[in-house]
Amino acid sequence: RLEDALFFFEEDKKQTIDEALKKLESVSFHAKIGSIAQKTA
């Protein structure tokens, strides 16, 4: 489990905040409400 966590941690550090925010546009908060990006706004 810790080996997985270490891999995830190192991979996450490679991603910029802007790249992550872009992905939120396609992540649904709720089908009737909208995406996580819309909720954030």
Full PDB file with SEQRES, HELIX, SHEET, SSBOND, CRYST1, ORIGX, SCALE, CONECT and MASTER records, all heavy atoms in Angstrom:
SEQRES   1 A   41  ARG LEU GLU ASP ALA LEU PHE PHE PHE GLU GLU ASP LYS          
SEQRES   2 A   41  LYS GLN THR ILE ASP GLU ALA LEU LYS LYS LEU GLU SER          
SEQRES   3 A   41  VAL SER PHE HIS ALA LYS ILE GLY SER ILE ALA GLN LYS          
SEQRES   4 A   41  THR ALA                                                      
HELIX    1 AA1 LEU A    2  LYS A   14  1                                  13    
HELIX    2 AA2 ILE A   17  LEU A   24  1                                   8    
HELIX    3 AA3 ILE A   36  THR A   40  1                                   5    
CRYST1    1.000    1.000    1.000  90.00  90.00  90.00 P 1           1          
ORIGX1      1.000000  0.000000  0.000000        0.00000                         
ORIGX2      0.000000  1.000000  0.000000        0.00000                         
ORIGX3      0.000000  0.000000  1.000000        0.00000                         
SCALE1      1.000000  0.000000  0.000000        0.00000                         
SCALE2      0.000000  1.000000  0.000000        0.00000                         
SCALE3      0.000000  0.000000  1.000000        0.00000                         
ATOM      1  N   ARG A   1       0.836  -1.211   0.000  1.00  0.00           N  
ATOM      2  CA  ARG A   1       0.000   0.000   0.000  1.00  0.00           C  
ATOM      3  C   ARG A   1       0.869   1.259   0.000  1.00  0.00           C  
ATOM      4  O   ARG A   1       0.571   2.231  -0.696  1.00  0.00           O  
ATOM      5  CB  ARG A   1      -0.937  -0.027   1.211  1.00  0.00           C  
ATOM      6  CG  ARG A   1      -1.931   1.123   1.221  1.00  0.00           C  
ATOM      7  CD  ARG A   1      -3.051   0.862   2.193  1.00  0.00           C  
ATOM      8  NE  ARG A   1      -3.931  -0.187   1.738  1.00  0.00           N  
ATOM      9  CZ  ARG A   1      -4.914  -0.016   0.876  1.00  0.00           C  
ATOM     10  NH1 ARG A   1      -5.113   1.181   0.324  1.00  0.00           N  
ATOM     11  NH2 ARG A   1      -5.685  -1.011   0.516  1.00  0.00           N  
ATOM     12  N   LEU A   2       1.938   1.260   0.785  1.00  0.00           N  
ATOM     13  CA  LEU A   2       2.811   2.434   0.834  1.00  0.00           C  
ATOM     14  C   LEU A   2       3.573   2.616  -0.478  1.00  0.00           C  
ATOM     15  O   LEU A   2       3.855   3.754  -0.880  1.00  0.00           O  
ATOM     16  CB  LEU A   2       3.792   2.314   2.006  1.00  0.00           C  
ATOM     17  CG  LEU A   2       3.163   2.358   3.405  1.00  0.00           C  
ATOM     18  CD1 LEU A   2       4.248   2.235   4.478  1.00  0.00           C  
ATOM     19  CD2 LEU A   2       2.371   3.641   3.616  1.00  0.00           C  
ATOM     20  N   GLU A   3       3.898   1.522  -1.125  1.00  0.00           N  
ATOM     21  CA  GLU A   3       4.585   1.620  -2.412  1.00  0.00           C  
ATOM     22  C   GLU A   3       3.664   2.298  -3.437  1.00  0.00           C  
ATOM     23  O   GLU A   3       4.103   3.153  -4.217  1.00  0.00           O  
ATOM     24  CB  GLU A   3       4.992   0.229  -2.896  1.00  0.00           C  
ATOM     25  CG  GLU A   3       5.933   0.224  -4.084  1.00  0.00           C  
ATOM     26  CD  GLU A   3       7.286   0.861  -3.779  1.00  0.00           C  
ATOM     27  OE1 GLU A   3       7.749   0.779  -2.613  1.00  0.00           O  
ATOM     28  OE2 GLU A   3       7.874   1.465  -4.716  1.00  0.00           O  
ATOM     29  N   ASP A   4       2.391   1.914  -3.415  1.00  0.00           N  
ATOM     30  CA  ASP A   4       1.415   2.579  -4.289  1.00  0.00           C  
ATOM     31  C   ASP A   4       1.322   4.064  -3.962  1.00  0.00           C  
ATOM     32  O   ASP A   4       1.309   4.915  -4.863  1.00  0.00           O  
ATOM     33  CB  ASP A   4       0.036   1.933  -4.135  1.00  0.00           C  
ATOM     34  CG  ASP A   4      -0.045   0.567  -4.792  1.00  0.00           C  
ATOM     35  OD1 ASP A   4       0.843   0.249  -5.605  1.00  0.00           O  
ATOM     36  OD2 ASP A   4      -1.000  -0.177  -4.486  1.00  0.00           O  
ATOM     37  N   ALA A   5       1.267   4.361  -2.671  1.00  0.00           N  
ATOM     38  CA  ALA A   5       1.135   5.756  -2.250  1.00  0.00           C  
ATOM     39  C   ALA A   5       2.345   6.572  -2.691  1.00  0.00           C  
ATOM     40  O   ALA A   5       2.209   7.723  -3.146  1.00  0.00           O  
ATOM     41  CB  ALA A   5       0.973   5.825  -0.732  1.00  0.00           C  
ATOM     42  N   LEU A   6       3.538   5.991  -2.576  1.00  0.00           N  
ATOM     43  CA  LEU A   6       4.743   6.704  -2.975  1.00  0.00           C  
ATOM     44  C   LEU A   6       4.730   6.974  -4.484  1.00  0.00           C  
ATOM     45  O   LEU A   6       5.095   8.073  -4.936  1.00  0.00           O  
ATOM     46  CB  LEU A   6       5.980   5.885  -2.600  1.00  0.00           C  
ATOM     47  CG  LEU A   6       7.334   6.580  -2.763  1.00  0.00           C  
ATOM     48  CD1 LEU A   6       7.403   7.836  -1.899  1.00  0.00           C  
ATOM     49  CD2 LEU A   6       8.465   5.624  -2.392  1.00  0.00           C  
ATOM     50  N   PHE A   7       4.283   5.997  -5.257  1.00  0.00           N  
ATOM     51  CA  PHE A   7       4.186   6.180  -6.704  1.00  0.00           C  
ATOM     52  C   PHE A   7       3.185   7.295  -7.031  1.00  0.00           C  
ATOM     53  O   PHE A   7       3.460   8.182  -7.845  1.00  0.00           O  
ATOM     54  CB  PHE A   7       3.767   4.871  -7.372  1.00  0.00           C  
ATOM     55  CG  PHE A   7       3.466   5.010  -8.838  1.00  0.00           C  
ATOM     56  CD1 PHE A   7       4.486   5.103  -9.775  1.00  0.00           C  
ATOM     57  CD2 PHE A   7       2.145   5.076  -9.283  1.00  0.00           C  
ATOM     58  CE1 PHE A   7       4.203   5.244 -11.136  1.00  0.00           C  
ATOM     59  CE2 PHE A   7       1.856   5.222 -10.633  1.00  0.00           C  
ATOM     60  CZ  PHE A   7       2.886   5.308 -11.564  1.00  0.00           C  
ATOM     61  N   PHE A   8       2.024   7.245  -6.395  1.00  0.00           N  
ATOM     62  CA  PHE A   8       0.994   8.264  -6.646  1.00  0.00           C  
ATOM     63  C   PHE A   8       1.508   9.658  -6.282  1.00  0.00           C  
ATOM     64  O   PHE A   8       1.259  10.633  -6.999  1.00  0.00           O  
ATOM     65  CB  PHE A   8      -0.268   7.965  -5.837  1.00  0.00           C  
ATOM     66  CG  PHE A   8      -0.986   6.714  -6.260  1.00  0.00           C  
ATOM     67  CD1 PHE A   8      -1.623   5.904  -5.328  1.00  0.00           C  
ATOM     68  CD2 PHE A   8      -1.032   6.334  -7.595  1.00  0.00           C  
ATOM     69  CE1 PHE A   8      -2.296   4.760  -5.708  1.00  0.00           C  
ATOM     70  CE2 PHE A   8      -1.700   5.180  -7.996  1.00  0.00           C  
ATOM     71  CZ  PHE A   8      -2.324   4.392  -7.042  1.00  0.00           C  
ATOM     72  N   PHE A   9       2.227   9.739  -5.166  1.00  0.00           N  
ATOM     73  CA  PHE A   9       2.734  11.021  -4.685  1.00  0.00           C  
ATOM     74  C   PHE A   9       3.710  11.620  -5.695  1.00  0.00           C  
ATOM     75  O   PHE A   9       3.631  12.813  -6.029  1.00  0.00           O  
ATOM     76  CB  PHE A   9       3.401  10.819  -3.325  1.00  0.00           C  
ATOM     77  CG  PHE A   9       3.831  12.093  -2.659  1.00  0.00           C  
ATOM     78  CD1 PHE A   9       2.930  13.118  -2.411  1.00  0.00           C  
ATOM     79  CD2 PHE A   9       5.163  12.271  -2.264  1.00  0.00           C  
ATOM     80  CE1 PHE A   9       3.331  14.289  -1.781  1.00  0.00           C  
ATOM     81  CE2 PHE A   9       5.565  13.433  -1.639  1.00  0.00           C  
ATOM     82  CZ  PHE A   9       4.650  14.450  -1.398  1.00  0.00           C  
ATOM     83  N   GLU A  10       4.608  10.791  -6.197  1.00  0.00           N  
ATOM     84  CA  GLU A  10       5.596  11.274  -7.162  1.00  0.00           C  
ATOM     85  C   GLU A  10       4.931  11.674  -8.475  1.00  0.00           C  
ATOM     86  O   GLU A  10       5.308  12.675  -9.107  1.00  0.00           O  
ATOM     87  CB  GLU A  10       6.669  10.201  -7.410  1.00  0.00           C  
ATOM     88  CG  GLU A  10       7.527   9.885  -6.191  1.00  0.00           C  
ATOM     89  CD  GLU A  10       8.263  11.113  -5.675  1.00  0.00           C  
ATOM     90  OE1 GLU A  10       8.670  11.968  -6.498  1.00  0.00           O  
ATOM     91  OE2 GLU A  10       8.419  11.228  -4.438  1.00  0.00           O  
ATOM     92  N   GLU A  11       3.935  10.908  -8.904  1.00  0.00           N  
ATOM     93  CA  GLU A  11       3.218  11.237 -10.134  1.00  0.00           C  
ATOM     94  C   GLU A  11       2.426  12.539  -9.987  1.00  0.00           C  
ATOM     95  O   GLU A  11       2.385  13.362 -10.896  1.00  0.00           O  
ATOM     96  CB  GLU A  11       2.278  10.089 -10.524  1.00  0.00           C  
ATOM     97  CG  GLU A  11       2.977   8.860 -11.048  1.00  0.00           C  
ATOM     98  CD  GLU A  11       3.748   9.159 -12.332  1.00  0.00           C  
ATOM     99  OE1 GLU A  11       3.130   9.644 -13.309  1.00  0.00           O  
ATOM    100  OE2 GLU A  11       4.978   8.921 -12.343  1.00  0.00           O  
ATOM    101  N   ASP A  12       1.786  12.701  -8.838  1.00  0.00           N  
ATOM    102  CA  ASP A  12       0.979  13.908  -8.610  1.00  0.00           C  
ATOM    103  C   ASP A  12       1.841  15.169  -8.633  1.00  0.00           C  
ATOM    104  O   ASP A  12       1.393  16.232  -9.086  1.00  0.00           O  
ATOM    105  CB  ASP A  12       0.245  13.817  -7.265  1.00  0.00           C  
ATOM    106  CG  ASP A  12      -0.935  12.855  -7.308  1.00  0.00           C  
ATOM    107  OD1 ASP A  12      -1.385  12.527  -8.420  1.00  0.00           O  
ATOM    108  OD2 ASP A  12      -1.400  12.437  -6.232  1.00  0.00           O  
ATOM    109  N   LYS A  13       3.064  15.059  -8.154  1.00  0.00           N  
ATOM    110  CA  LYS A  13       3.937  16.237  -8.118  1.00  0.00           C  
ATOM    111  C   LYS A  13       4.296  16.723  -9.522  1.00  0.00           C  
ATOM    112  O   LYS A  13       4.668  17.879  -9.711  1.00  0.00           O  
ATOM    113  CB  LYS A  13       5.203  15.920  -7.310  1.00  0.00           C  
ATOM    114  CG  LYS A  13       4.952  15.826  -5.808  1.00  0.00           C  
ATOM    115  CD  LYS A  13       6.227  15.834  -4.989  1.00  0.00           C  
ATOM    116  CE  LYS A  13       7.047  14.597  -5.162  1.00  0.00           C  
ATOM    117  NZ  LYS A  13       8.230  14.563  -4.262  1.00  0.00           N  
ATOM    118  N   LYS A  14       4.174  15.843 -10.518  1.00  0.00           N  
ATOM    119  CA  LYS A  14       4.491  16.225 -11.894  1.00  0.00           C  
ATOM    120  C   LYS A  14       3.368  17.052 -12.525  1.00  0.00           C  
ATOM    121  O   LYS A  14       3.587  17.739 -13.521  1.00  0.00           O  
ATOM    122  CB  LYS A  14       4.731  14.973 -12.742  1.00  0.00           C  
ATOM    123  CG  LYS A  14       5.902  14.110 -12.275  1.00  0.00           C  
ATOM    124  CD  LYS A  14       5.971  12.827 -13.086  1.00  0.00           C  
ATOM    125  CE  LYS A  14       7.062  11.901 -12.573  1.00  0.00           C  
ATOM    126  NZ  LYS A  14       7.082  10.612 -13.322  1.00  0.00           N  
ATOM    127  N   GLN A  15       2.149  16.965 -11.964  1.00  0.00           N  
ATOM    128  CA  GLN A  15       0.998  17.655 -12.539  1.00  0.00           C  
ATOM    129  C   GLN A  15       0.889  19.071 -11.989  1.00  0.00           C  
ATOM    130  O   GLN A  15       0.996  19.286 -10.791  1.00  0.00           O  
ATOM    131  CB  GLN A  15      -0.289  16.876 -12.210  1.00  0.00           C  
ATOM    132  CG  GLN A  15      -1.556  17.509 -12.746  1.00  0.00           C  
ATOM    133  CD  GLN A  15      -2.786  16.667 -12.464  1.00  0.00           C  
ATOM    134  OE1 GLN A  15      -3.449  16.187 -13.372  1.00  0.00           O  
ATOM    135  NE2 GLN A  15      -3.095  16.478 -11.191  1.00  0.00           N  
ATOM    136  N   THR A  16       0.684  20.046 -12.883  1.00  0.00           N  
ATOM    137  CA  THR A  16       0.513  21.425 -12.428  1.00  0.00           C  
ATOM    138  C   THR A  16      -0.918  21.637 -11.957  1.00  0.00           C  
ATOM    139  O   THR A  16      -1.835  20.875 -12.291  1.00  0.00           O  
ATOM    140  CB  THR A  16       0.804  22.423 -13.561  1.00  0.00           C  
ATOM    141  OG1 THR A  16      -0.209  22.289 -14.572  1.00  0.00           O  
ATOM    142  CG2 THR A  16       2.183  22.179 -14.158  1.00  0.00           C  
ATOM    143  N   ILE A  17      -1.124  22.701 -11.195  1.00  0.00           N  
ATOM    144  CA  ILE A  17      -2.469  23.027 -10.717  1.00  0.00           C  
ATOM    145  C   ILE A  17      -3.384  23.344 -11.887  1.00  0.00           C  
ATOM    146  O   ILE A  17      -4.549  22.917 -11.919  1.00  0.00           O  
ATOM    147  CB  ILE A  17      -2.414  24.195  -9.711  1.00  0.00           C  
ATOM    148  CG1 ILE A  17      -1.730  23.739  -8.405  1.00  0.00           C  
ATOM    149  CG2 ILE A  17      -3.814  24.730  -9.419  1.00  0.00           C  
ATOM    150  CD1 ILE A  17      -1.582  24.819  -7.365  1.00  0.00           C  
ATOM    151  N   ASP A  18      -2.867  24.060 -12.870  1.00  0.00           N  
ATOM    152  CA  ASP A  18      -3.696  24.405 -14.030  1.00  0.00           C  
ATOM    153  C   ASP A  18      -4.138  23.156 -14.790  1.00  0.00           C  
ATOM    154  O   ASP A  18      -5.275  23.085 -15.273  1.00  0.00           O  
ATOM    155  CB  ASP A  18      -2.928  25.341 -14.970  1.00  0.00           C  
ATOM    156  CG  ASP A  18      -2.810  26.754 -14.398  1.00  0.00           C  
ATOM    157  OD1 ASP A  18      -3.612  27.085 -13.501  1.00  0.00           O  
ATOM    158  OD2 ASP A  18      -1.927  27.507 -14.850  1.00  0.00           O  
ATOM    159  N   GLU A  19      -3.255  22.178 -14.895  1.00  0.00           N  
ATOM    160  CA  GLU A  19      -3.618  20.929 -15.568  1.00  0.00           C  
ATOM    161  C   GLU A  19      -4.732  20.207 -14.804  1.00  0.00           C  
ATOM    162  O   GLU A  19      -5.657  19.652 -15.399  1.00  0.00           O  
ATOM    163  CB  GLU A  19      -2.392  20.023 -15.688  1.00  0.00           C  
ATOM    164  CG  GLU A  19      -1.368  20.516 -16.708  1.00  0.00           C  
ATOM    165  CD  GLU A  19      -0.065  19.736 -16.642  1.00  0.00           C  
ATOM    166  OE1 GLU A  19       0.194  19.063 -15.607  1.00  0.00           O  
ATOM    167  OE2 GLU A  19       0.704  19.798 -17.621  1.00  0.00           O  
ATOM    168  N   ALA A  20      -4.610  20.235 -13.489  1.00  0.00           N  
ATOM    169  CA  ALA A  20      -5.641  19.594 -12.661  1.00  0.00           C  
ATOM    170  C   ALA A  20      -6.976  20.310 -12.809  1.00  0.00           C  
ATOM    171  O   ALA A  20      -8.031  19.671 -12.930  1.00  0.00           O  
ATOM    172  CB  ALA A  20      -5.202  19.580 -11.196  1.00  0.00           C  
ATOM    173  N   LEU A  21      -6.941  21.653 -12.802  1.00  0.00           N  
ATOM    174  CA  LEU A  21      -8.180  22.420 -12.929  1.00  0.00           C  
ATOM    175  C   LEU A  21      -8.866  22.156 -14.263  1.00  0.00           C  
ATOM    176  O   LEU A  21     -10.103  22.120 -14.341  1.00  0.00           O  
ATOM    177  CB  LEU A  21      -7.896  23.914 -12.764  1.00  0.00           C  
ATOM    178  CG  LEU A  21      -7.425  24.366 -11.370  1.00  0.00           C  
ATOM    179  CD1 LEU A  21      -7.076  25.849 -11.390  1.00  0.00           C  
ATOM    180  CD2 LEU A  21      -8.490  24.082 -10.322  1.00  0.00           C  
ATOM    181  N   LYS A  22      -8.078  21.974 -15.294  1.00  0.00           N  
ATOM    182  CA  LYS A  22      -8.645  21.684 -16.616  1.00  0.00           C  
ATOM    183  C   LYS A  22      -9.417  20.365 -16.581  1.00  0.00           C  
ATOM    184  O   LYS A  22     -10.495  20.234 -17.189  1.00  0.00           O  
ATOM    185  CB  LYS A  22      -7.519  21.633 -17.650  1.00  0.00           C  
ATOM    186  CG  LYS A  22      -7.994  21.474 -19.094  1.00  0.00           C  
ATOM    187  CD  LYS A  22      -8.746  22.710 -19.561  1.00  0.00           C  
ATOM    188  CE  LYS A  22      -9.150  22.579 -21.021  1.00  0.00           C  
ATOM    189  NZ  LYS A  22      -9.984  23.725 -21.471  1.00  0.00           N  
ATOM    190  N   LYS A  23      -8.890  19.390 -15.865  1.00  0.00           N  
ATOM    191  CA  LYS A  23      -9.547  18.087 -15.765  1.00  0.00           C  
ATOM    192  C   LYS A  23     -10.889  18.179 -15.043  1.00  0.00           C  
ATOM    193  O   LYS A  23     -11.800  17.378 -15.297  1.00  0.00           O  
ATOM    194  CB  LYS A  23      -8.643  17.089 -15.036  1.00  0.00           C  
ATOM    195  CG  LYS A  23      -7.397  16.690 -15.800  1.00  0.00           C  
ATOM    196  CD  LYS A  23      -6.571  15.706 -14.996  1.00  0.00           C  
ATOM    197  CE  LYS A  23      -5.288  15.309 -15.737  1.00  0.00           C  
ATOM    198  NZ  LYS A  23      -4.474  14.357 -14.939  1.00  0.00           N  
ATOM    199  N   LEU A  24     -11.020  19.143 -14.138  1.00  0.00           N  
ATOM    200  CA  LEU A  24     -12.259  19.277 -13.368  1.00  0.00           C  
ATOM    201  C   LEU A  24     -13.461  19.605 -14.246  1.00  0.00           C  
ATOM    202  O   LEU A  24     -14.602  19.388 -13.848  1.00  0.00           O  
ATOM    203  CB  LEU A  24     -12.105  20.354 -12.289  1.00  0.00           C  
ATOM    204  CG  LEU A  24     -11.142  20.041 -11.145  1.00  0.00           C  
ATOM    205  CD1 LEU A  24     -11.065  21.217 -10.183  1.00  0.00           C  
ATOM    206  CD2 LEU A  24     -11.579  18.778 -10.401  1.00  0.00           C  
ATOM    207  N   GLU A  25     -13.193  20.132 -15.436  1.00  0.00           N  
ATOM    208  CA  GLU A  25     -14.290  20.474 -16.344  1.00  0.00           C  
ATOM    209  C   GLU A  25     -15.050  19.236 -16.806  1.00  0.00           C  
ATOM    210  O   GLU A  25     -16.226  19.324 -17.167  1.00  0.00           O  
ATOM    211  CB  GLU A  25     -13.745  21.239 -17.554  1.00  0.00           C  
ATOM    212  CG  GLU A  25     -13.144  22.591 -17.206  1.00  0.00           C  
ATOM    213  CD  GLU A  25     -12.509  23.280 -18.406  1.00  0.00           C  
ATOM    214  OE1 GLU A  25     -12.615  22.710 -19.523  1.00  0.00           O  
ATOM    215  OE2 GLU A  25     -11.915  24.364 -18.239  1.00  0.00           O  
ATOM    216  N   SER A  26     -14.403  18.103 -16.782  1.00  0.00           N  
ATOM    217  CA  SER A  26     -15.052  16.865 -17.227  1.00  0.00           C  
ATOM    218  C   SER A  26     -15.428  15.950 -16.068  1.00  0.00           C  
ATOM    219  O   SER A  26     -15.839  14.809 -16.270  1.00  0.00           O  
ATOM    220  CB  SER A  26     -14.145  16.102 -18.201  1.00  0.00           C  
ATOM    221  OG  SER A  26     -12.897  15.805 -17.594  1.00  0.00           O  
ATOM    222  N   VAL A  27     -15.271  16.455 -14.843  1.00  0.00           N  
ATOM    223  CA  VAL A  27     -15.653  15.671 -13.661  1.00  0.00           C  
ATOM    224  C   VAL A  27     -16.993  16.183 -13.154  1.00  0.00           C  
ATOM    225  O   VAL A  27     -17.134  17.362 -12.831  1.00  0.00           O  
ATOM    226  CB  VAL A  27     -14.589  15.771 -12.546  1.00  0.00           C  
ATOM    227  CG1 VAL A  27     -15.037  14.979 -11.322  1.00  0.00           C  
ATOM    228  CG2 VAL A  27     -13.245  15.271 -13.040  1.00  0.00           C  
ATOM    229  N   SER A  28     -17.985  15.300 -13.084  1.00  0.00           N  
ATOM    230  CA  SER A  28     -19.337  15.709 -12.694  1.00  0.00           C  
ATOM    231  C   SER A  28     -19.470  15.836 -11.180  1.00  0.00           C  
ATOM    232  O   SER A  28     -19.038  14.949 -10.430  1.00  0.00           O  
ATOM    233  CB  SER A  28     -20.361  14.701 -13.214  1.00  0.00           C  
ATOM    234  OG  SER A  28     -21.662  15.007 -12.753  1.00  0.00           O  
ATOM    235  N   PHE A  29     -20.053  16.943 -10.761  1.00  0.00           N  
ATOM    236  CA  PHE A  29     -20.437  17.089  -9.355  1.00  0.00           C  
ATOM    237  C   PHE A  29     -21.749  16.349  -9.132  1.00  0.00           C  
ATOM    238  O   PHE A  29     -21.892  15.560  -8.208  1.00  0.00           O  
ATOM    239  CB  PHE A  29     -20.584  18.569  -8.992  1.00  0.00           C  
ATOM    240  CG  PHE A  29     -21.132  18.801  -7.612  1.00  0.00           C  
ATOM    241  CD1 PHE A  29     -20.425  18.403  -6.492  1.00  0.00           C  
ATOM    242  CD2 PHE A  29     -22.363  19.416  -7.431  1.00  0.00           C  
ATOM    243  CE1 PHE A  29     -20.938  18.604  -5.213  1.00  0.00           C  
ATOM    244  CE2 PHE A  29     -22.879  19.630  -6.163  1.00  0.00           C  
ATOM    245  CZ  PHE A  29     -22.164  19.228  -5.056  1.00  0.00           C  
ATOM    246  N   HIS A  30     -22.725  16.621 -10.004  1.00  0.00           N  
ATOM    247  CA  HIS A  30     -23.986  15.884 -10.036  1.00  0.00           C  
ATOM    248  C   HIS A  30     -24.602  16.100 -11.407  1.00  0.00           C  
ATOM    249  O   HIS A  30     -24.523  17.188 -11.974  1.00  0.00           O  
ATOM    250  CB  HIS A  30     -24.939  16.366  -8.934  1.00  0.00           C  
ATOM    251  CG  HIS A  30     -26.147  15.498  -8.773  1.00  0.00           C  
ATOM    252  ND1 HIS A  30     -27.251  15.606  -9.583  1.00  0.00           N  
ATOM    253  CD2 HIS A  30     -26.415  14.487  -7.897  1.00  0.00           C  
ATOM    254  CE1 HIS A  30     -28.152  14.707  -9.210  1.00  0.00           C  
ATOM    255  NE2 HIS A  30     -27.675  14.016  -8.194  1.00  0.00           N  
ATOM    256  N   ALA A  31     -25.251  15.044 -11.925  1.00  0.00           N  
ATOM    257  CA  ALA A  31     -25.786  15.107 -13.286  1.00  0.00           C  
ATOM    258  C   ALA A  31     -26.764  16.257 -13.483  1.00  0.00           C  
ATOM    259  O   ALA A  31     -26.833  16.857 -14.561  1.00  0.00           O  
ATOM    260  CB  ALA A  31     -26.467  13.785 -13.630  1.00  0.00           C  
ATOM    261  N   LYS A  32     -27.530  16.591 -12.439  1.00  0.00           N  
ATOM    262  CA  LYS A  32     -28.526  17.654 -12.554  1.00  0.00           C  
ATOM    263  C   LYS A  32     -27.949  19.039 -12.264  1.00  0.00           C  
ATOM    264  O   LYS A  32     -28.639  20.046 -12.432  1.00  0.00           O  
ATOM    265  CB  LYS A  32     -29.692  17.397 -11.600  1.00  0.00           C  
ATOM    266  CG  LYS A  32     -30.546  16.202 -11.972  1.00  0.00           C  
ATOM    267  CD  LYS A  32     -31.749  16.100 -11.043  1.00  0.00           C  
ATOM    268  CE  LYS A  32     -32.662  14.946 -11.436  1.00  0.00           C  
ATOM    269  NZ  LYS A  32     -33.855  14.863 -10.554  1.00  0.00           N  
ATOM    270  N   ILE A  33     -26.713  19.093 -11.807  1.00  0.00           N  
ATOM    271  CA  ILE A  33     -26.144  20.372 -11.362  1.00  0.00           C  
ATOM    272  C   ILE A  33     -24.998  20.834 -12.246  1.00  0.00           C  
ATOM    273  O   ILE A  33     -24.930  21.999 -12.644  1.00  0.00           O  
ATOM    274  CB  ILE A  33     -25.695  20.270  -9.888  1.00  0.00           C  
ATOM    275  CG1 ILE A  33     -26.932  20.039  -8.997  1.00  0.00           C  
ATOM    276  CG2 ILE A  33     -24.943  21.524  -9.459  1.00  0.00           C  
ATOM    277  CD1 ILE A  33     -26.610  19.755  -7.551  1.00  0.00           C  
ATOM    278  N   GLY A  34     -24.099  19.938 -12.584  1.00  0.00           N  
ATOM    279  CA  GLY A  34     -22.980  20.335 -13.430  1.00  0.00           C  
ATOM    280  C   GLY A  34     -21.671  19.736 -12.982  1.00  0.00           C  
ATOM    281  O   GLY A  34     -21.623  18.816 -12.165  1.00  0.00           O  
ATOM    282  N   SER A  35     -20.585  20.275 -13.503  1.00  0.00           N  
ATOM    283  CA  SER A  35     -19.246  19.747 -13.238  1.00  0.00           C  
ATOM    284  C   SER A  35     -18.656  20.347 -11.968  1.00  0.00           C  
ATOM    285  O   SER A  35     -19.163  21.330 -11.419  1.00  0.00           O  
ATOM    286  CB  SER A  35     -18.326  20.053 -14.419  1.00  0.00           C  
ATOM    287  OG  SER A  35     -18.105  21.457 -14.505  1.00  0.00           O  
ATOM    288  N   ILE A  36     -17.558  19.748 -11.523  1.00  0.00           N  
ATOM    289  CA  ILE A  36     -16.816  20.292 -10.379  1.00  0.00           C  
ATOM    290  C   ILE A  36     -16.280  21.680 -10.728  1.00  0.00           C  
ATOM    291  O   ILE A  36     -16.239  22.580  -9.876  1.00  0.00           O  
ATOM    292  CB  ILE A  36     -15.649  19.362  -9.994  1.00  0.00           C  
ATOM    293  CG1 ILE A  36     -16.176  18.015  -9.479  1.00  0.00           C  
ATOM    294  CG2 ILE A  36     -14.777  20.018  -8.938  1.00  0.00           C  
ATOM    295  CD1 ILE A  36     -16.851  18.066  -8.137  1.00  0.00           C  
ATOM    296  N   ALA A  37     -15.894  21.885 -11.976  1.00  0.00           N  
ATOM    297  CA  ALA A  37     -15.389  23.198 -12.397  1.00  0.00           C  
ATOM    298  C   ALA A  37     -16.476  24.260 -12.250  1.00  0.00           C  
ATOM    299  O   ALA A  37     -16.209  25.386 -11.797  1.00  0.00           O  
ATOM    300  CB  ALA A  37     -14.900  23.135 -13.843  1.00  0.00           C  
ATOM    301  N   GLN A  38     -17.723  23.913 -12.601  1.00  0.00           N  
ATOM    302  CA  GLN A  38     -18.820  24.865 -12.450  1.00  0.00           C  
ATOM    303  C   GLN A  38     -19.099  25.142 -10.974  1.00  0.00           C  
ATOM    304  O   GLN A  38     -19.360  26.284 -10.583  1.00  0.00           O  
ATOM    305  CB  GLN A  38     -20.078  24.309 -13.141  1.00  0.00           C  
ATOM    306  CG  GLN A  38     -19.982  24.304 -14.660  1.00  0.00           C  
ATOM    307  CD  GLN A  38     -21.138  23.562 -15.301  1.00  0.00           C  
ATOM    308  OE1 GLN A  38     -21.444  22.422 -14.946  1.00  0.00           O  
ATOM    309  NE2 GLN A  38     -21.792  24.214 -16.264  1.00  0.00           N  
ATOM    310  N   LYS A  39     -19.048  24.105 -10.168  1.00  0.00           N  
ATOM    311  CA  LYS A  39     -19.242  24.299  -8.731  1.00  0.00           C  
ATOM    312  C   LYS A  39     -18.160  25.209  -8.167  1.00  0.00           C  
ATOM    313  O   LYS A  39     -18.434  26.077  -7.334  1.00  0.00           O  
ATOM    314  CB  LYS A  39     -19.234  22.957  -7.988  1.00  0.00           C  
ATOM    315  CG  LYS A  39     -19.296  23.129  -6.462  1.00  0.00           C  
ATOM    316  CD  LYS A  39     -19.373  21.826  -5.732  1.00  0.00           C  
ATOM    317  CE  LYS A  39     -19.286  22.029  -4.226  1.00  0.00           C  
ATOM    318  NZ  LYS A  39     -20.279  22.987  -3.699  1.00  0.00           N  
ATOM    319  N   THR A  40     -16.929  25.005  -8.617  1.00  0.00           N  
ATOM    320  CA  THR A  40     -15.817  25.830  -8.155  1.00  0.00           C  
ATOM    321  C   THR A  40     -16.057  27.304  -8.491  1.00  0.00           C  
ATOM    322  O   THR A  40     -15.820  28.183  -7.663  1.00  0.00           O  
ATOM    323  CB  THR A  40     -14.497  25.349  -8.786  1.00  0.00           C  
ATOM    324  OG1 THR A  40     -14.300  23.963  -8.477  1.00  0.00           O  
ATOM    325  CG2 THR A  40     -13.317  26.155  -8.268  1.00  0.00           C  
ATOM    326  N   ALA A  41     -16.549  27.550  -9.695  1.00  0.00           N  
ATOM    327  CA  ALA A  41     -16.825  28.933 -10.111  1.00  0.00           C  
ATOM    328  C   ALA A  41     -17.917  29.553  -9.260  1.00  0.00           C  
ATOM    329  O   ALA A  41     -17.811  30.715  -8.818  1.00  0.00           O  
ATOM    330  CB  ALA A  41     -17.217  28.961 -11.582  1.00  0.00           C  
TER     331      ALA A  41                                                      
MASTER        0    0    0    3    0    0    0    6  330    1    0    4          
END                                                                             
